[in-house]
């Protein structure tokens, strides 16, 4: 029997986490990360995407990745996807207006899980969006790595926490974008950050699998997120940069975050 959609509220904000079952790796190589980011963009629509469109889109996306890695303009043009001119950052956009499930405000991809900050736009939008992302990425992963098994690819259902005020929005924004710290300072959540300057450089320049660089004015994956609302709250690109830098430098510990229950 299909699971009942979680009853979340339209136009409300949610912190969503999707984790691989058994904490196994969700992203093994660079192409997996690109595919995951492409997925949260491409599957965020109520429209049905034909197999032909998806095949063309995947091929065009692969070519765009190659151009991007070679320092060339990563423009994508196909019947499925059209991208405006972009001198830097990977910019993707479907032709015409899309009917979105959610508004993606921020994201971070970790080796075994994904963090998203979203606003629900349609009834059941978060659940439907996560179902499409989960099914699509799991099919890609199993096909690529020749995995055949029964059972869940992801750890149960996605987790979600309702964001109720601006303080919680700031906290979740910071928490999501600080998640990669554990990759260079394991145990930082319990012990605190030992080298703030190294961490700041890592987040701002080295770790590209999040929306942080886009929020501080460095184009990375600008088409994936709608940043207008949070930029206004945070005080623009400089405000976002200062928020993360100040937290890393002066607070340094996970205990500083308010308690946000994950359902």
C-alpha atoms as a PDB file:
ATOM      1  CA  UNK A   1       0.000   0.000   0.000  1.00  0.00           C
ATOM      2  CA  UNK A   2       1.453   3.427  -0.936  1.00  0.00           C
ATOM      3  CA  UNK A   3       2.356   5.632   1.985  1.00  0.00           C
ATOM      4  CA  UNK A   4       0.083   8.558   2.774  1.00  0.00           C
ATOM      5  CA  UNK A   5       1.594  11.909   1.840  1.00  0.00           C
ATOM      6  CA  UNK A   6       2.881  13.890   4.802  1.00  0.00           C
ATOM      7  CA  UNK A   7       0.549  16.806   5.546  1.00  0.00           C
ATOM      8  CA  UNK A   8       2.768  19.849   5.239  1.00  0.00           C
ATOM      9  CA  UNK A   9       1.487  23.399   4.810  1.00  0.00           C
ATOM     10  CA  UNK A  10       1.627  25.439   1.616  1.00  0.00           C
ATOM     11  CA  UNK A  11       3.862  28.539   1.687  1.00  0.00           C
ATOM     12  CA  UNK A  12       5.578  27.333   4.858  1.00  0.00           C
ATOM     13  CA  UNK A  13       9.296  26.593   5.120  1.00  0.00           C
ATOM     14  CA  UNK A  14      10.798  23.166   5.856  1.00  0.00           C
ATOM     15  CA  UNK A  15      14.244  21.771   6.505  1.00  0.00           C
ATOM     16  CA  UNK A  16      14.320  18.433   4.675  1.00  0.00           C
ATOM     17  CA  UNK A  17      16.915  15.662   4.989  1.00  0.00           C
ATOM     18  CA  UNK A  18      17.199  12.617   2.716  1.00  0.00           C
ATOM     19  CA  UNK A  19      19.713   9.969   3.803  1.00  0.00           C
ATOM     20  CA  UNK A  20      20.988   6.771   2.165  1.00  0.00           C
ATOM     21  CA  UNK A  21      19.939   3.596   3.972  1.00  0.00           C
ATOM     22  CA  UNK A  22      22.567   2.277   6.349  1.00  0.00           C
ATOM     23  CA  UNK A  23      24.517   5.524   5.935  1.00  0.00           C
ATOM     24  CA  UNK A  24      26.020   4.069   2.754  1.00  0.00           C
ATOM     25  CA  UNK A  25      27.511   6.509   0.257  1.00  0.00           C
ATOM     26  CA  UNK A  26      24.974   8.408  -1.814  1.00  0.00           C
ATOM     27  CA  UNK A  27      27.596  10.161  -3.945  1.00  0.00           C
ATOM     28  CA  UNK A  28      30.738   8.262  -4.922  1.00  0.00           C
ATOM     29  CA  UNK A  29      32.259  10.471  -7.603  1.00  0.00           C
ATOM     30  CA  UNK A  30      31.935  13.989  -8.999  1.00  0.00           C
ATOM     31  CA  UNK A  31      29.414  12.935 -11.648  1.00  0.00           C
ATOM     32  CA  UNK A  32      27.124  11.625  -8.906  1.00  0.00           C
ATOM     33  CA  UNK A  33      27.087  15.019  -7.208  1.00  0.00           C
ATOM     34  CA  UNK A  34      26.315  16.745 -10.498  1.00  0.00           C
ATOM     35  CA  UNK A  35      23.570  14.222 -11.177  1.00  0.00           C
ATOM     36  CA  UNK A  36      22.078  14.788  -7.725  1.00  0.00           C
ATOM     37  CA  UNK A  37      22.012  18.552  -8.164  1.00  0.00           C
ATOM     38  CA  UNK A  38      20.540  18.151 -11.636  1.00  0.00           C
ATOM     39  CA  UNK A  39      17.864  15.907 -10.084  1.00  0.00           C
ATOM     40  CA  UNK A  40      16.640  18.412  -7.487  1.00  0.00           C
ATOM     41  CA  UNK A  41      16.256  20.910 -10.314  1.00  0.00           C
ATOM     42  CA  UNK A  42      14.774  18.664 -13.000  1.00  0.00           C
ATOM     43  CA  UNK A  43      12.297  16.789 -10.761  1.00  0.00           C
ATOM     44  CA  UNK A  44      10.914  19.946  -9.147  1.00  0.00           C
ATOM     45  CA  UNK A  45       7.923  20.119 -11.469  1.00  0.00           C
ATOM     46  CA  UNK A  46       4.421  18.714 -11.624  1.00  0.00           C
ATOM     47  CA  UNK A  47       4.948  18.067 -15.341  1.00  0.00           C
ATOM     48  CA  UNK A  48       5.714  14.644 -16.723  1.00  0.00           C
ATOM     49  CA  UNK A  49       9.111  14.451 -18.416  1.00  0.00           C
ATOM     50  CA  UNK A  50       9.311  12.027 -21.337  1.00  0.00           C
ATOM     51  CA  UNK A  51      12.080   9.451 -21.615  1.00  0.00           C
ATOM     52  CA  UNK A  52      13.322  11.201 -24.757  1.00  0.00           C
ATOM     53  CA  UNK A  53      13.480  14.568 -22.996  1.00  0.00           C
ATOM     54  CA  UNK A  54      15.339  13.085 -20.062  1.00  0.00           C
ATOM     55  CA  UNK A  55      17.826  11.287 -22.325  1.00  0.00           C
ATOM     56  CA  UNK A  56      18.551  14.502 -24.245  1.00  0.00           C
ATOM     57  CA  UNK A  57      18.771  16.480 -21.012  1.00  0.00           C
ATOM     58  CA  UNK A  58      21.225  14.007 -19.469  1.00  0.00           C
ATOM     59  CA  UNK A  59      23.480  14.067 -22.521  1.00  0.00           C
ATOM     60  CA  UNK A  60      23.430  17.851 -22.694  1.00  0.00           C
ATOM     61  CA  UNK A  61      24.118  18.053 -18.966  1.00  0.00           C
ATOM     62  CA  UNK A  62      27.125  15.742 -19.265  1.00  0.00           C
ATOM     63  CA  UNK A  63      28.536  17.919 -22.031  1.00  0.00           C
ATOM     64  CA  UNK A  64      27.940  21.027 -19.922  1.00  0.00           C
ATOM     65  CA  UNK A  65      29.849  19.438 -17.030  1.00  0.00           C
ATOM     66  CA  UNK A  66      32.801  18.752 -19.315  1.00  0.00           C
ATOM     67  CA  UNK A  67      32.824  22.357 -20.534  1.00  0.00           C
ATOM     68  CA  UNK A  68      32.447  23.638 -16.981  1.00  0.00           C
ATOM     69  CA  UNK A  69      35.382  21.549 -15.736  1.00  0.00           C
ATOM     70  CA  UNK A  70      37.479  22.784 -18.666  1.00  0.00           C
ATOM     71  CA  UNK A  71      36.748  26.400 -17.779  1.00  0.00           C
ATOM     72  CA  UNK A  72      34.398  26.954 -20.723  1.00  0.00           C
ATOM     73  CA  UNK A  73      30.932  28.477 -20.692  1.00  0.00           C
ATOM     74  CA  UNK A  74      28.560  25.708 -19.494  1.00  0.00           C
ATOM     75  CA  UNK A  75      25.554  26.622 -21.630  1.00  0.00           C
ATOM     76  CA  UNK A  76      22.995  23.888 -22.188  1.00  0.00           C
ATOM     77  CA  UNK A  77      20.679  23.982 -25.226  1.00  0.00           C
ATOM     78  CA  UNK A  78      18.278  21.169 -26.010  1.00  0.00           C
ATOM     79  CA  UNK A  79      14.545  20.553 -26.525  1.00  0.00           C
ATOM     80  CA  UNK A  80      14.420  19.546 -22.850  1.00  0.00           C
ATOM     81  CA  UNK A  81      16.651  22.218 -21.325  1.00  0.00           C
ATOM     82  CA  UNK A  82      17.651  25.727 -22.257  1.00  0.00           C
ATOM     83  CA  UNK A  83      20.199  27.806 -20.385  1.00  0.00           C
ATOM     84  CA  UNK A  84      20.774  31.554 -20.686  1.00  0.00           C
ATOM     85  CA  UNK A  85      24.284  32.867 -21.207  1.00  0.00           C
ATOM     86  CA  UNK A  86      26.543  32.082 -18.284  1.00  0.00           C
ATOM     87  CA  UNK A  87      30.163  33.106 -17.934  1.00  0.00           C
ATOM     88  CA  UNK A  88      30.609  31.208 -14.701  1.00  0.00           C
ATOM     89  CA  UNK A  89      28.616  28.744 -12.644  1.00  0.00           C
ATOM     90  CA  UNK A  90      26.470  25.914 -13.967  1.00  0.00           C
ATOM     91  CA  UNK A  91      23.174  27.460 -15.058  1.00  0.00           C
ATOM     92  CA  UNK A  92      20.264  25.285 -16.155  1.00  0.00           C
ATOM     93  CA  UNK A  93      16.719  26.223 -17.028  1.00  0.00           C
ATOM     94  CA  UNK A  94      13.816  24.433 -18.705  1.00  0.00           C
ATOM     95  CA  UNK A  95      12.059  26.254 -21.501  1.00  0.00           C
ATOM     96  CA  UNK A  96       9.013  28.213 -20.395  1.00  0.00           C
ATOM     97  CA  UNK A  97       7.496  28.528 -16.945  1.00  0.00           C
ATOM     98  CA  UNK A  98       7.559  25.425 -14.777  1.00  0.00           C
ATOM     99  CA  UNK A  99       4.850  24.376 -12.328  1.00  0.00           C
ATOM    100  CA  UNK A 100       6.970  23.793  -9.232  1.00  0.00           C
ATOM    101  CA  UNK A 101       6.293  21.536  -6.250  1.00  0.00           C
ATOM    102  CA  UNK A 102       8.538  23.584  -3.974  1.00  0.00           C
ATOM    103  CA  UNK A 103      10.756  26.619  -3.930  1.00  0.00           C
ATOM    104  CA  UNK A 104      14.322  25.525  -3.158  1.00  0.00           C
ATOM    105  CA  UNK A 105      16.003  28.162  -1.008  1.00  0.00           C
ATOM    106  CA  UNK A 106      19.222  26.371  -0.078  1.00  0.00           C
ATOM    107  CA  UNK A 107      20.847  22.940  -0.279  1.00  0.00           C
ATOM    108  CA  UNK A 108      23.900  20.953   0.715  1.00  0.00           C
ATOM    109  CA  UNK A 109      24.962  17.548  -0.581  1.00  0.00           C
ATOM    110  CA  UNK A 110      27.015  15.397   1.762  1.00  0.00           C
ATOM    111  CA  UNK A 111      28.523  11.995   0.895  1.00  0.00           C
ATOM    112  CA  UNK A 112      25.589  10.038   2.360  1.00  0.00           C
ATOM    113  CA  UNK A 113      22.751  12.554   2.666  1.00  0.00           C
ATOM    114  CA  UNK A 114      21.131  15.740   1.338  1.00  0.00           C
ATOM    115  CA  UNK A 115      19.941  18.856   3.172  1.00  0.00           C
ATOM    116  CA  UNK A 116      17.313  21.135   1.628  1.00  0.00           C
ATOM    117  CA  UNK A 117      15.552  24.284   2.805  1.00  0.00           C
ATOM    118  CA  UNK A 118      12.304  24.552   0.850  1.00  0.00           C
ATOM    119  CA  UNK A 119       8.984  26.346   0.774  1.00  0.00           C
ATOM    120  CA  UNK A 120       6.026  24.158  -0.228  1.00  0.00           C
ATOM    121  CA  UNK A 121       4.044  25.571  -3.171  1.00  0.00           C
ATOM    122  CA  UNK A 122       1.581  22.745  -3.921  1.00  0.00           C
ATOM    123  CA  UNK A 123      -0.519  20.453  -1.743  1.00  0.00           C
ATOM    124  CA  UNK A 124       1.719  17.506  -0.931  1.00  0.00           C
ATOM    125  CA  UNK A 125       4.479  19.272  -2.853  1.00  0.00           C
ATOM    126  CA  UNK A 126       7.379  18.395  -0.572  1.00  0.00           C
ATOM    127  CA  UNK A 127       6.433  14.714  -0.463  1.00  0.00           C
ATOM    128  CA  UNK A 128       5.855  14.453  -4.222  1.00  0.00           C
ATOM    129  CA  UNK A 129       9.097  16.284  -4.955  1.00  0.00           C
ATOM    130  CA  UNK A 130      11.115  14.058  -2.646  1.00  0.00           C
ATOM    131  CA  UNK A 131       9.491  10.928  -4.104  1.00  0.00           C
ATOM    132  CA  UNK A 132      10.505  11.959  -7.630  1.00  0.00           C
ATOM    133  CA  UNK A 133      14.035  12.895  -6.575  1.00  0.00           C
ATOM    134  CA  UNK A 134      14.460   9.697  -4.564  1.00  0.00           C
ATOM    135  CA  UNK A 135      13.121   7.375  -7.255  1.00  0.00           C
ATOM    136  CA  UNK A 136      15.045   9.070 -10.055  1.00  0.00           C
ATOM    137  CA  UNK A 137      18.389   9.206  -8.295  1.00  0.00           C
ATOM    138  CA  UNK A 138      18.089   5.666  -6.921  1.00  0.00           C
ATOM    139  CA  UNK A 139      17.424   4.334 -10.439  1.00  0.00           C
ATOM    140  CA  UNK A 140      20.461   6.214 -11.763  1.00  0.00           C
ATOM    141  CA  UNK A 141      22.720   4.972  -8.947  1.00  0.00           C
ATOM    142  CA  UNK A 142      21.653   1.335  -9.237  1.00  0.00           C
ATOM    143  CA  UNK A 143      22.105   1.370 -13.005  1.00  0.00           C
ATOM    144  CA  UNK A 144      25.506   3.061 -12.894  1.00  0.00           C
ATOM    145  CA  UNK A 145      26.980   0.802 -10.219  1.00  0.00           C
ATOM    146  CA  UNK A 146      25.185  -2.412 -11.201  1.00  0.00           C
ATOM    147  CA  UNK A 147      23.420  -2.726  -7.864  1.00  0.00           C
ATOM    148  CA  UNK A 148      20.554  -5.186  -7.575  1.00  0.00           C
ATOM    149  CA  UNK A 149      18.829  -5.496  -4.237  1.00  0.00           C
ATOM    150  CA  UNK A 150      15.388  -5.405  -2.696  1.00  0.00           C
ATOM    151  CA  UNK A 151      14.416  -2.968  -0.001  1.00  0.00           C
ATOM    152  CA  UNK A 152      14.808   0.737   0.487  1.00  0.00           C
ATOM    153  CA  UNK A 153      17.612   2.712  -1.133  1.00  0.00           C
ATOM    154  CA  UNK A 154      17.025   5.630   1.223  1.00  0.00           C
ATOM    155  CA  UNK A 155      16.720   5.498   4.990  1.00  0.00           C
ATOM    156  CA  UNK A 156      12.986   5.249   5.618  1.00  0.00           C
ATOM    157  CA  UNK A 157      11.189   8.414   4.505  1.00  0.00           C
ATOM    158  CA  UNK A 158      12.726  11.843   4.257  1.00  0.00           C
ATOM    159  CA  UNK A 159      12.893  13.841   7.477  1.00  0.00           C
ATOM    160  CA  UNK A 160      11.374  17.309   7.775  1.00  0.00           C
ATOM    161  CA  UNK A 161      11.272  20.142  10.298  1.00  0.00           C
ATOM    162  CA  UNK A 162       8.861  23.072  10.111  1.00  0.00           C
ATOM    163  CA  UNK A 163      10.595  26.469  10.218  1.00  0.00           C
ATOM    164  CA  UNK A 164       8.448  28.858  12.227  1.00  0.00           C
ATOM    165  CA  UNK A 165      10.307  32.188  12.341  1.00  0.00           C
ATOM    166  CA  UNK A 166      13.246  34.183  10.969  1.00  0.00           C
ATOM    167  CA  UNK A 167      15.582  33.086  13.761  1.00  0.00           C
ATOM    168  CA  UNK A 168      15.016  29.463  12.797  1.00  0.00           C
ATOM    169  CA  UNK A 169      15.491  30.332   9.116  1.00  0.00           C
ATOM    170  CA  UNK A 170      18.877  31.864   9.922  1.00  0.00           C
ATOM    171  CA  UNK A 171      19.802  28.876  12.068  1.00  0.00           C
ATOM    172  CA  UNK A 172      18.852  26.317   9.402  1.00  0.00           C
ATOM    173  CA  UNK A 173      20.563  28.348   6.678  1.00  0.00           C
ATOM    174  CA  UNK A 174      23.740  28.315   8.769  1.00  0.00           C
ATOM    175  CA  UNK A 175      23.417  24.661   9.768  1.00  0.00           C
ATOM    176  CA  UNK A 176      22.907  23.486   6.179  1.00  0.00           C
ATOM    177  CA  UNK A 177      25.877  25.409   4.827  1.00  0.00           C
ATOM    178  CA  UNK A 178      28.148  24.421   7.719  1.00  0.00           C
ATOM    179  CA  UNK A 179      27.522  20.686   7.308  1.00  0.00           C
ATOM    180  CA  UNK A 180      30.605  20.128   5.089  1.00  0.00           C
ATOM    181  CA  UNK A 181      32.874  21.185   7.962  1.00  0.00           C
ATOM    182  CA  UNK A 182      32.816  17.563   9.149  1.00  0.00           C
ATOM    183  CA  UNK A 183      34.729  16.578   6.001  1.00  0.00           C
ATOM    184  CA  UNK A 184      37.822  18.521   7.085  1.00  0.00           C
ATOM    185  CA  UNK A 185      37.288  18.629  10.862  1.00  0.00           C
ATOM    186  CA  UNK A 186      35.643  15.357  11.964  1.00  0.00           C
ATOM    187  CA  UNK A 187      33.972  15.682  15.344  1.00  0.00           C
ATOM    188  CA  UNK A 188      33.567  19.453  15.140  1.00  0.00           C
ATOM    189  CA  UNK A 189      29.944  19.218  16.272  1.00  0.00           C
ATOM    190  CA  UNK A 190      31.084  17.868  19.642  1.00  0.00           C
ATOM    191  CA  UNK A 191      34.526  19.466  19.959  1.00  0.00           C
ATOM    192  CA  UNK A 192      34.079  22.770  18.141  1.00  0.00           C
ATOM    193  CA  UNK A 193      36.059  24.195  15.221  1.00  0.00           C
ATOM    194  CA  UNK A 194      39.837  24.211  15.627  1.00  0.00           C
ATOM    195  CA  UNK A 195      40.868  26.207  12.550  1.00  0.00           C
ATOM    196  CA  UNK A 196      38.190  28.795  11.618  1.00  0.00           C
ATOM    197  CA  UNK A 197      40.163  30.358   8.748  1.00  0.00           C
ATOM    198  CA  UNK A 198      40.713  26.979   7.085  1.00  0.00           C
ATOM    199  CA  UNK A 199      37.013  26.187   7.470  1.00  0.00           C
ATOM    200  CA  UNK A 200      35.925  29.538   6.014  1.00  0.00           C
ATOM    201  CA  UNK A 201      38.124  29.028   2.952  1.00  0.00           C
ATOM    202  CA  UNK A 202      36.803  25.491   2.533  1.00  0.00           C
ATOM    203  CA  UNK A 203      33.168  26.620   2.633  1.00  0.00           C
ATOM    204  CA  UNK A 204      33.611  29.698   0.444  1.00  0.00           C
ATOM    205  CA  UNK A 205      36.024  28.381  -2.182  1.00  0.00           C
ATOM    206  CA  UNK A 206      36.624  24.631  -2.074  1.00  0.00           C
ATOM    207  CA  UNK A 207      33.312  22.881  -1.375  1.00  0.00           C
ATOM    208  CA  UNK A 208      31.014  23.366  -4.334  1.00  0.00           C
ATOM    209  CA  UNK A 209      28.179  20.934  -3.514  1.00  0.00           C
ATOM    210  CA  UNK A 210      26.011  23.469  -1.702  1.00  0.00           C
ATOM    211  CA  UNK A 211      24.288  26.795  -2.360  1.00  0.00           C
ATOM    212  CA  UNK A 212      26.682  28.721  -0.096  1.00  0.00           C
ATOM    213  CA  UNK A 213      28.835  30.107  -2.912  1.00  0.00           C
ATOM    214  CA  UNK A 214      25.753  31.377  -4.754  1.00  0.00           C
ATOM    215  CA  UNK A 215      24.616  33.164  -1.582  1.00  0.00           C
ATOM    216  CA  UNK A 216      27.924  35.000  -1.206  1.00  0.00           C
ATOM    217  CA  UNK A 217      27.865  36.169  -4.821  1.00  0.00           C
ATOM    218  CA  UNK A 218      30.024  33.476  -6.443  1.00  0.00           C
ATOM    219  CA  UNK A 219      28.081  31.705  -9.198  1.00  0.00           C
ATOM    220  CA  UNK A 220      28.055  27.958  -8.674  1.00  0.00           C
ATOM    221  CA  UNK A 221      24.593  26.465  -9.318  1.00  0.00           C
ATOM    222  CA  UNK A 222      22.548  29.690  -9.570  1.00  0.00           C
ATOM    223  CA  UNK A 223      19.519  28.155 -11.328  1.00  0.00           C
ATOM    224  CA  UNK A 224      18.800  25.615  -8.591  1.00  0.00           C
ATOM    225  CA  UNK A 225      17.839  28.013  -5.788  1.00  0.00           C
ATOM    226  CA  UNK A 226      15.587  31.029  -5.411  1.00  0.00           C
ATOM    227  CA  UNK A 227      17.705  33.297  -3.212  1.00  0.00           C
ATOM    228  CA  UNK A 228      15.775  36.566  -3.261  1.00  0.00           C
ATOM    229  CA  UNK A 229      13.834  36.000  -0.023  1.00  0.00           C
ATOM    230  CA  UNK A 230      16.775  34.887   2.121  1.00  0.00           C
ATOM    231  CA  UNK A 231      19.137  37.484   0.661  1.00  0.00           C
ATOM    232  CA  UNK A 232      16.694  40.162   1.787  1.00  0.00           C
ATOM    233  CA  UNK A 233      16.528  38.710   5.310  1.00  0.00           C
ATOM    234  CA  UNK A 234      20.277  38.132   5.575  1.00  0.00           C
ATOM    235  CA  UNK A 235      21.353  41.499   4.186  1.00  0.00           C
ATOM    236  CA  UNK A 236      22.487  40.445   0.722  1.00  0.00           C
ATOM    237  CA  UNK A 237      25.595  38.521  -0.318  1.00  0.00           C
ATOM    238  CA  UNK A 238      27.766  40.300   2.249  1.00  0.00           C
ATOM    239  CA  UNK A 239      25.285  39.534   5.016  1.00  0.00           C
ATOM    240  CA  UNK A 240      25.270  35.824   4.142  1.00  0.00           C
ATOM    241  CA  UNK A 241      29.062  35.746   4.082  1.00  0.00           C
ATOM    242  CA  UNK A 242      29.283  37.545   7.418  1.00  0.00           C
ATOM    243  CA  UNK A 243      26.682  35.288   9.062  1.00  0.00           C
ATOM    244  CA  UNK A 244      28.622  32.101   8.297  1.00  0.00           C
ATOM    245  CA  UNK A 245      32.034  33.640   9.001  1.00  0.00           C
ATOM    246  CA  UNK A 246      30.930  35.011  12.365  1.00  0.00           C
ATOM    247  CA  UNK A 247      29.353  31.729  13.373  1.00  0.00           C
ATOM    248  CA  UNK A 248      32.435  29.714  12.388  1.00  0.00           C
ATOM    249  CA  UNK A 249      34.794  32.171  14.096  1.00  0.00           C
ATOM    250  CA  UNK A 250      32.989  32.913  17.338  1.00  0.00           C
ATOM    251  CA  UNK A 251      30.463  30.175  18.099  1.00  0.00           C
ATOM    252  CA  UNK A 252      32.260  27.169  16.678  1.00  0.00           C
ATOM    253  CA  UNK A 253      29.931  24.520  18.102  1.00  0.00           C
ATOM    254  CA  UNK A 254      26.732  22.760  17.180  1.00  0.00           C
ATOM    255  CA  UNK A 255      25.271  23.504  20.615  1.00  0.00           C
ATOM    256  CA  UNK A 256      24.696  27.093  19.498  1.00  0.00           C
ATOM    257  CA  UNK A 257      21.916  25.979  17.157  1.00  0.00           C
ATOM    258  CA  UNK A 258      18.354  26.071  18.514  1.00  0.00           C
ATOM    259  CA  UNK A 259      16.641  22.717  18.884  1.00  0.00           C
ATOM    260  CA  UNK A 260      14.864  21.993  15.592  1.00  0.00           C
ATOM    261  CA  UNK A 261      13.003  18.696  15.737  1.00  0.00           C
ATOM    262  CA  UNK A 262      13.196  16.558  12.596  1.00  0.00           C
ATOM    263  CA  UNK A 263       9.918  14.691  12.033  1.00  0.00           C
END
